[in-house]
PDB file of N, CA and C in Angstrom:
ATOM      1  N   MET A   1      48.240 -68.314 -77.352  1.00  0.00           N
ATOM      2  CA  MET A   1      47.086 -68.137 -78.108  1.00  0.00           C
ATOM      3  C   MET A   1      47.398 -66.801 -78.939  1.00  0.00           C
ATOM      4  N   PHE A   2      47.729 -65.937 -78.431  1.00  0.00           N
ATOM      5  CA  PHE A   2      47.808 -64.609 -79.424  1.00  0.00           C
ATOM      6  C   PHE A   2      49.386 -64.693 -79.365  1.00  0.00           C
ATOM      7  N   GLU A   3      49.692 -64.232 -80.873  1.00  0.00           N
ATOM      8  CA  GLU A   3      50.998 -63.902 -81.086  1.00  0.00           C
ATOM      9  C   GLU A   3      51.238 -62.201 -81.239  1.00  0.00           C
ATOM     10  N   PRO A   4      52.485 -61.804 -81.230  1.00  0.00           N
ATOM     11  CA  PRO A   4      52.590 -60.555 -81.113  1.00  0.00           C
ATOM     12  C   PRO A   4      52.390 -60.022 -82.599  1.00  0.00           C
ATOM     13  N   VAL A   5      52.381 -58.879 -82.887  1.00  0.00           N
ATOM     14  CA  VAL A   5      52.204 -58.203 -84.198  1.00  0.00           C
ATOM     15  C   VAL A   5      53.377 -58.344 -84.984  1.00  0.00           C
ATOM     16  N   ARG A   6      53.457 -58.596 -86.261  1.00  0.00           N
ATOM     17  CA  ARG A   6      54.715 -58.513 -86.855  1.00  0.00           C
ATOM     18  C   ARG A   6      55.159 -56.987 -87.275  1.00  0.00           C
ATOM     19  N   GLY A   7      56.335 -56.691 -87.345  1.00  0.00           N
ATOM     20  CA  GLY A   7      56.532 -55.016 -87.679  1.00  0.00           C
ATOM     21  C   GLY A   7      56.784 -55.157 -89.256  1.00  0.00           C
ATOM     22  N   GLY A   8      57.107 -53.980 -89.459  1.00  0.00           N
ATOM     23  CA  GLY A   8      57.423 -53.811 -91.082  1.00  0.00           C
ATOM     24  C   GLY A   8      56.204 -53.431 -91.995  1.00  0.00           C
ATOM     25  N   THR A   9      56.553 -53.690 -93.240  1.00  0.00           N
ATOM     26  CA  THR A   9      55.399 -53.261 -94.178  1.00  0.00           C
ATOM     27  C   THR A   9      54.939 -54.621 -94.600  1.00  0.00           C
ATOM     28  N   ARG A  10      53.618 -54.682 -95.152  1.00  0.00           N
ATOM     29  CA  ARG A  10      52.824 -55.666 -95.665  1.00  0.00           C
ATOM     30  C   ARG A  10      52.930 -55.634 -97.043  1.00  0.00           C
ATOM     31  N   GLY A  11      53.025 -56.750 -97.880  1.00  0.00           N
ATOM     32  CA  GLY A  11      52.936 -57.048 -99.500  1.00  0.00           C
ATOM     33  C   GLY A  11      54.089 -56.252 -99.992  1.00  0.00           C
ATOM     34  N   GLY A  12      55.056 -56.056 -99.228  1.00  0.00           N
ATOM     35  CA  GLY A  12      56.349 -55.661-100.075  1.00  0.00           C
ATOM     36  C   GLY A  12      56.162 -53.997-100.327  1.00  0.00           C
ATOM     37  N   GLN A  13      55.418 -53.011 -99.946  1.00  0.00           N
ATOM     38  CA  GLN A  13      55.290 -51.944-100.276  1.00  0.00           C
ATOM     39  C   GLN A  13      56.823 -51.160-100.035  1.00  0.00           C
ATOM     40  N   ALA A  14      57.672 -51.547 -99.168  1.00  0.00           N
ATOM     41  CA  ALA A  14      59.104 -50.967 -99.134  1.00  0.00           C
ATOM     42  C   ALA A  14      59.883 -50.982-100.208  1.00  0.00           C
ATOM     43  N   GLU A  15      59.549 -52.308-101.022  1.00  0.00           N
ATOM     44  CA  GLU A  15      60.692 -52.622-101.856  1.00  0.00           C
ATOM     45  C   GLU A  15      60.115 -52.490-103.176  1.00  0.00           C
ATOM     46  N   PHE A  16      58.747 -52.032-103.276  1.00  0.00           N
ATOM     47  CA  PHE A  16      58.243 -51.393-104.580  1.00  0.00           C
ATOM     48  C   PHE A  16      58.927 -50.407-105.289  1.00  0.00           C
ATOM     49  N   LYS A  17      59.289 -50.721-106.924  1.00  0.00           N
ATOM     50  CA  LYS A  17      59.717 -49.717-107.653  1.00  0.00           C
ATOM     51  C   LYS A  17      59.050 -49.736-109.094  1.00  0.00           C
ATOM     52  N   TRP A  18      58.689 -48.879-109.403  1.00  0.00           N
ATOM     53  CA  TRP A  18      57.986 -48.589-110.999  1.00  0.00           C
ATOM     54  C   TRP A  18      59.165 -49.186-112.005  1.00  0.00           C
ATOM     55  N   SER A  19      60.513 -48.925-111.894  1.00  0.00           N
ATOM     56  CA  SER A  19      61.232 -49.527-112.639  1.00  0.00           C
ATOM     57  C   SER A  19      61.207 -51.176-112.931  1.00  0.00           C
ATOM     58  N   ASP A  20      60.959 -51.516-111.331  1.00  0.00           N
ATOM     59  CA  ASP A  20      60.701 -53.154-111.833  1.00  0.00           C
ATOM     60  C   ASP A  20      59.371 -53.438-112.618  1.00  0.00           C
ATOM     61  N   VAL A  21      58.296 -52.500-112.070  1.00  0.00           N
ATOM     62  CA  VAL A  21      57.114 -53.001-113.221  1.00  0.00           C
ATOM     63  C   VAL A  21      57.411 -52.770-114.502  1.00  0.00           C
ATOM     64  N   ALA A  22      58.482 -51.937-115.053  1.00  0.00           N
ATOM     65  CA  ALA A  22      58.719 -51.728-116.276  1.00  0.00           C
ATOM     66  C   ALA A  22      59.218 -53.003-116.935  1.00  0.00           C
ATOM     67  N   GLN A  23      60.097 -53.860-116.200  1.00  0.00           N
ATOM     68  CA  GLN A  23      60.785 -55.148-116.541  1.00  0.00           C
ATOM     69  C   GLN A  23      59.817 -56.243-116.364  1.00  0.00           C
ATOM     70  N   ASP A  24      58.711 -56.100-115.533  1.00  0.00           N
ATOM     71  CA  ASP A  24      58.068 -57.532-115.201  1.00  0.00           C
ATOM     72  C   ASP A  24      56.944 -57.677-116.636  1.00  0.00           C
ATOM     73  N   LYS A  25      56.940 -59.089-116.753  1.00  0.00           N
ATOM     74  CA  LYS A  25      55.936 -59.619-117.775  1.00  0.00           C
ATOM     75  C   LYS A  25      54.312 -59.202-117.825  1.00  0.00           C
ATOM     76  N   ASP A  26      54.045 -59.010-116.609  1.00  0.00           N
ATOM     77  CA  ASP A  26      52.741 -58.848-116.041  1.00  0.00           C
ATOM     78  C   ASP A  26      52.525 -57.338-115.922  1.00  0.00           C
ATOM     79  N   ARG A  27      53.365 -56.587-116.382  1.00  0.00           N
ATOM     80  CA  ARG A  27      52.940 -55.050-116.052  1.00  0.00           C
ATOM     81  C   ARG A  27      51.838 -54.290-116.316  1.00  0.00           C
ATOM     82  N   GLU A  28      50.746 -55.070-117.345  1.00  0.00           N
ATOM     83  CA  GLU A  28      49.696 -54.485-117.442  1.00  0.00           C
ATOM     84  C   GLU A  28      48.734 -54.605-116.674  1.00  0.00           C
ATOM     85  N   ASN A  29      48.959 -55.457-115.518  1.00  0.00           N
ATOM     86  CA  ASN A  29      48.184 -55.830-114.346  1.00  0.00           C
ATOM     87  C   ASN A  29      48.224 -54.505-113.162  1.00  0.00           C
ATOM     88  N   TYR A  30      49.298 -53.542-113.327  1.00  0.00           N
ATOM     89  CA  TYR A  30      49.412 -52.600-112.463  1.00  0.00           C
ATOM     90  C   TYR A  30      48.847 -51.321-112.976  1.00  0.00           C
ATOM     91  N   LEU A  31      47.712 -50.663-112.124  1.00  0.00           N
ATOM     92  CA  LEU A  31      47.333 -49.777-112.232  1.00  0.00           C
ATOM     93  C   LEU A  31      48.054 -48.607-112.518  1.00  0.00           C
ATOM     94  N   GLY A  32      47.903 -47.816-113.664  1.00  0.00           N
ATOM     95  CA  GLY A  32      49.121 -46.713-113.861  1.00  0.00           C
ATOM     96  C   GLY A  32      50.134 -47.081-114.595  1.00  0.00           C
ATOM     97  N   HIS A  33      50.361 -48.336-115.179  1.00  0.00           N
ATOM     98  CA  HIS A  33      51.444 -48.639-115.834  1.00  0.00           C
ATOM     99  C   HIS A  33      51.854 -48.125-116.842  1.00  0.00           C
ATOM    100  N   SER A  34      51.095 -47.477-117.686  1.00  0.00           N
ATOM    101  CA  SER A  34      51.647 -46.820-118.793  1.00  0.00           C
ATOM    102  C   SER A  34      52.173 -45.489-118.664  1.00  0.00           C
ATOM    103  N   ILE A  35      51.791 -44.843-117.466  1.00  0.00           N
ATOM    104  CA  ILE A  35      52.472 -43.478-117.224  1.00  0.00           C
ATOM    105  C   ILE A  35      53.763 -43.951-116.189  1.00  0.00           C
ATOM    106  N   ASN A  36      53.688 -44.543-115.144  1.00  0.00           N
ATOM    107  CA  ASN A  36      54.697 -44.494-114.446  1.00  0.00           C
ATOM    108  C   ASN A  36      55.770 -45.503-114.498  1.00  0.00           C
ATOM    109  N   ALA A  37      55.501 -46.571-115.472  1.00  0.00           N
ATOM    110  CA  ALA A  37      56.547 -47.168-115.997  1.00  0.00           C
ATOM    111  C   ALA A  37      56.352 -47.417-117.474  1.00  0.00           C
ATOM    112  N   PRO A  38      56.718 -46.528-118.354  1.00  0.00           N
ATOM    113  CA  PRO A  38      56.568 -46.439-119.652  1.00  0.00           C
ATOM    114  C   PRO A  38      57.670 -47.444-120.325  1.00  0.00           C
ATOM    115  N   THR A  39      57.279 -48.148-121.365  1.00  0.00           N
ATOM    116  CA  THR A  39      58.411 -48.806-122.154  1.00  0.00           C
ATOM    117  C   THR A  39      57.981 -48.733-123.481  1.00  0.00           C
ATOM    118  N   GLY A  40      59.093 -48.896-124.322  1.00  0.00           N
ATOM    119  CA  GLY A  40      58.721 -48.842-125.681  1.00  0.00           C
ATOM    120  C   GLY A  40      59.639 -47.722-126.311  1.00  0.00           C
ATOM    121  N   ARG A  41      59.736 -47.375-127.773  1.00  0.00           N
ATOM    122  CA  ARG A  41      60.517 -46.506-128.441  1.00  0.00           C
ATOM    123  C   ARG A  41      59.975 -45.148-128.299  1.00  0.00           C
ATOM    124  N   TRP A  42      58.281 -45.296-128.348  1.00  0.00           N
ATOM    125  CA  TRP A  42      57.543 -44.116-128.598  1.00  0.00           C
ATOM    126  C   TRP A  42      57.577 -43.282-127.411  1.00  0.00           C
ATOM    127  N   GLN A  43      57.803 -43.678-126.132  1.00  0.00           N
ATOM    128  CA  GLN A  43      57.962 -42.693-125.023  1.00  0.00           C
ATOM    129  C   GLN A  43      59.213 -42.047-124.727  1.00  0.00           C
ATOM    130  N   LYS A  44      60.300 -42.822-125.488  1.00  0.00           N
ATOM    131  CA  LYS A  44      61.859 -42.019-125.399  1.00  0.00           C
ATOM    132  C   LYS A  44      61.621 -40.757-125.582  1.00  0.00           C
ATOM    133  N   ASN A  45      62.001 -39.807-124.749  1.00  0.00           N
ATOM    134  CA  ASN A  45      62.474 -38.354-124.850  1.00  0.00           C
ATOM    135  C   ASN A  45      60.956 -37.715-125.068  1.00  0.00           C
ATOM    136  N   LYS A  46      60.135 -38.254-124.389  1.00  0.00           N
ATOM    137  CA  LYS A  46      58.564 -37.593-124.587  1.00  0.00           C
ATOM    138  C   LYS A  46      58.313 -37.272-123.277  1.00  0.00           C
ATOM    139  N   ASP A  47      57.308 -36.202-123.051  1.00  0.00           N
ATOM    140  CA  ASP A  47      56.992 -35.662-121.884  1.00  0.00           C
ATOM    141  C   ASP A  47      55.808 -36.620-121.716  1.00  0.00           C
ATOM    142  N   ILE A  48      55.321 -37.472-121.158  1.00  0.00           N
ATOM    143  CA  ILE A  48      54.302 -38.302-120.927  1.00  0.00           C
ATOM    144  C   ILE A  48      53.271 -37.738-119.627  1.00  0.00           C
ATOM    145  N   HIS A  49      53.823 -36.717-119.031  1.00  0.00           N
ATOM    146  CA  HIS A  49      53.071 -36.055-118.015  1.00  0.00           C
ATOM    147  C   HIS A  49      52.726 -34.612-118.488  1.00  0.00           C
ATOM    148  N   TRP A  50      52.582 -34.472-119.710  1.00  0.00           N
ATOM    149  CA  TRP A  50      52.313 -32.879-120.262  1.00  0.00           C
ATOM    150  C   TRP A  50      51.038 -32.391-119.600  1.00  0.00           C
ATOM    151  N   TYR A  51      50.186 -33.237-119.050  1.00  0.00           N
ATOM    152  CA  TYR A  51      48.548 -32.874-118.950  1.00  0.00           C
ATOM    153  C   TYR A  51      48.665 -32.379-117.771  1.00  0.00           C
ATOM    154  N   SER A  52      49.628 -32.700-116.946  1.00  0.00           N
ATOM    155  CA  SER A  52      49.405 -32.365-115.316  1.00  0.00           C
ATOM    156  C   SER A  52      50.503 -31.252-115.127  1.00  0.00           C
ATOM    157  N   ARG A  53      51.557 -30.700-116.080  1.00  0.00           N
ATOM    158  CA  ARG A  53      52.490 -29.837-115.610  1.00  0.00           C
ATOM    159  C   ARG A  53      51.672 -28.260-115.410  1.00  0.00           C
ATOM    160  N   GLU A  54      52.099 -27.678-114.704  1.00  0.00           N
ATOM    161  CA  GLU A  54      51.487 -26.264-114.243  1.00  0.00           C
ATOM    162  C   GLU A  54      51.843 -25.685-115.466  1.00  0.00           C
ATOM    163  N   LYS A  55      51.157 -24.811-116.012  1.00  0.00           N
ATOM    164  CA  LYS A  55      51.040 -23.691-116.996  1.00  0.00           C
ATOM    165  C   LYS A  55      51.209 -22.319-116.410  1.00  0.00           C
ATOM    166  N   ALA A  56      52.333 -21.448-116.894  1.00  0.00           N
ATOM    167  CA  ALA A  56      52.498 -20.265-116.456  1.00  0.00           C
ATOM    168  C   ALA A  56      51.405 -19.520-117.050  1.00  0.00           C
ATOM    169  N   MET A  57      50.189 -19.278-116.459  1.00  0.00           N
ATOM    170  CA  MET A  57      49.082 -18.379-116.925  1.00  0.00           C
ATOM    171  C   MET A  57      48.683 -17.448-115.532  1.00  0.00           C
ATOM    172  N   THR A  58      48.489 -16.125-116.373  1.00  0.00           N
ATOM    173  CA  THR A  58      48.093 -15.043-115.355  1.00  0.00           C
ATOM    174  C   THR A  58      46.512 -15.205-115.258  1.00  0.00           C
ATOM    175  N   ASP A  59      46.140 -14.428-113.869  1.00  0.00           N
ATOM    176  CA  ASP A  59      44.768 -14.542-113.639  1.00  0.00           C
ATOM    177  C   ASP A  59      44.105 -13.910-115.018  1.00  0.00           C
ATOM    178  N   ALA A  60      44.375 -13.036-115.697  1.00  0.00           N
ATOM    179  CA  ALA A  60      43.765 -12.218-116.560  1.00  0.00           C
ATOM    180  C   ALA A  60      43.518 -13.328-117.896  1.00  0.00           C
ATOM    181  N   GLU A  61      44.650 -13.989-118.141  1.00  0.00           N
ATOM    182  CA  GLU A  61      44.650 -14.932-119.232  1.00  0.00           C
ATOM    183  C   GLU A  61      43.735 -16.170-118.803  1.00  0.00           C
ATOM    184  N   ARG A  62      43.583 -16.706-117.397  1.00  0.00           N
ATOM    185  CA  ARG A  62      42.669 -17.524-117.073  1.00  0.00           C
ATOM    186  C   ARG A  62      41.132 -17.093-117.189  1.00  0.00           C
ATOM    187  N   GLN A  63      40.914 -15.754-116.871  1.00  0.00           N
ATOM    188  CA  GLN A  63      39.606 -15.415-116.816  1.00  0.00           C
ATOM    189  C   GLN A  63      39.141 -15.067-118.471  1.00  0.00           C
ATOM    190  N   GLU A  64      40.039 -14.829-119.191  1.00  0.00           N
ATOM    191  CA  GLU A  64      39.588 -14.459-120.682  1.00  0.00           C
ATOM    192  C   GLU A  64      39.429 -15.956-121.477  1.00  0.00           C
ATOM    193  N   GLU A  65      40.076 -17.022-120.790  1.00  0.00           N
ATOM    194  CA  GLU A  65      39.723 -18.381-121.399  1.00  0.00           C
ATOM    195  C   GLU A  65      38.246 -18.843-121.071  1.00  0.00           C
ATOM    196  N   ILE A  66      38.288 -18.580-119.551  1.00  0.00           N
ATOM    197  CA  ILE A  66      36.947 -18.960-119.211  1.00  0.00           C
ATOM    198  C   ILE A  66      35.914 -18.426-119.767  1.00  0.00           C
ATOM    199  N   ARG A  67      36.181 -16.877-120.194  1.00  0.00           N
ATOM    200  CA  ARG A  67      34.916 -16.258-120.711  1.00  0.00           C
ATOM    201  C   ARG A  67      34.766 -16.849-122.379  1.00  0.00           C
ATOM    202  N   ARG A  68      35.718 -17.177-122.873  1.00  0.00           N
ATOM    203  CA  ARG A  68      35.626 -17.833-124.260  1.00  0.00           C
ATOM    204  C   ARG A  68      34.903 -19.065-124.492  1.00  0.00           C
ATOM    205  N   VAL A  69      35.268 -19.809-123.213  1.00  0.00           N
ATOM    206  CA  VAL A  69      34.515 -21.015-123.318  1.00  0.00           C
ATOM    207  C   VAL A  69      33.333 -21.094-122.997  1.00  0.00           C
ATOM    208  N   LYS A  70      32.617 -20.112-122.114  1.00  0.00           N
ATOM    209  CA  LYS A  70      31.320 -19.771-121.999  1.00  0.00           C
ATOM    210  C   LYS A  70      30.784 -19.327-123.070  1.00  0.00           C
ATOM    211  N   GLU A  71      31.182 -18.524-123.908  1.00  0.00           N
ATOM    212  CA  GLU A  71      30.790 -17.957-124.984  1.00  0.00           C
ATOM    213  C   GLU A  71      30.677 -19.045-126.050  1.00  0.00           C
ATOM    214  N   ALA A  72      31.516 -19.995-125.922  1.00  0.00           N
ATOM    215  CA  ALA A  72      31.336 -21.151-127.344  1.00  0.00           C
ATOM    216  C   ALA A  72      30.236 -22.012-126.680  1.00  0.00           C
ATOM    217  N   GLU A  73      30.146 -22.417-125.439  1.00  0.00           N
ATOM    218  CA  GLU A  73      29.125 -23.091-124.914  1.00  0.00           C
ATOM    219  C   GLU A  73      27.647 -22.514-125.186  1.00  0.00           C
ATOM    220  N   ALA A  74      27.483 -21.262-124.956  1.00  0.00           N
ATOM    221  CA  ALA A  74      26.245 -20.380-125.237  1.00  0.00           C
ATOM    222  C   ALA A  74      25.995 -20.682-126.848  1.00  0.00           C
ATOM    223  N   GLU A  75      26.909 -20.578-127.433  1.00  0.00           N
ATOM    224  CA  GLU A  75      26.715 -20.683-129.011  1.00  0.00           C
ATOM    225  C   GLU A  75      26.185 -22.177-129.344  1.00  0.00           C
ATOM    226  N   ALA A  76      26.690 -22.972-128.696  1.00  0.00           N
ATOM    227  CA  ALA A  76      26.520 -24.393-129.205  1.00  0.00           C
ATOM    228  C   ALA A  76      25.240 -24.646-128.448  1.00  0.00           C
ATOM    229  N   ILE A  77      24.861 -24.194-127.363  1.00  0.00           N
ATOM    230  CA  ILE A  77      23.339 -24.284-126.668  1.00  0.00           C
ATOM    231  C   ILE A  77      22.358 -23.663-127.442  1.00  0.00           C
ATOM    232  N   ALA A  78      22.753 -22.378-128.115  1.00  0.00           N
ATOM    233  CA  ALA A  78      21.834 -21.744-129.040  1.00  0.00           C
ATOM    234  C   ALA A  78      21.736 -22.441-130.289  1.00  0.00           C
ATOM    235  N   ALA A  79      22.623 -22.897-130.928  1.00  0.00           N
ATOM    236  CA  ALA A  79      22.474 -23.756-132.089  1.00  0.00           C
ATOM    237  C   ALA A  79      21.692 -24.862-132.061  1.00  0.00           C
ATOM    238  N   ALA A  80      21.835 -25.631-130.914  1.00  0.00           N
ATOM    239  CA  ALA A  80      21.003 -26.550-130.479  1.00  0.00           C
ATOM    240  C   ALA A  80      19.540 -26.619-130.460  1.00  0.00           C
ATOM    241  N   LEU A  81      19.297 -25.448-129.846  1.00  0.00           N
ATOM    242  CA  LEU A  81      17.908 -25.183-129.624  1.00  0.00           C
ATOM    243  C   LEU A  81      17.450 -24.604-131.000  1.00  0.00           C
TER     244      LEU A  81
END
């Protein structure tokens, strides 16, 4: 009546590779395909992860940027009122 549980992974998780997704005709069905499996000429030699790279910013620079953003927001609110 009861069978033993199968070992291994379900759904082929162990064999999954983004390089295979790049070759797949239905690559658009994969969430994150444009970043993790880029294809085409425009991606060649481009840093498509530019937004998540850690920037070398000191604490003083970060505080100055926050101050400038807050000033700009205050000016925008004042102009809207």
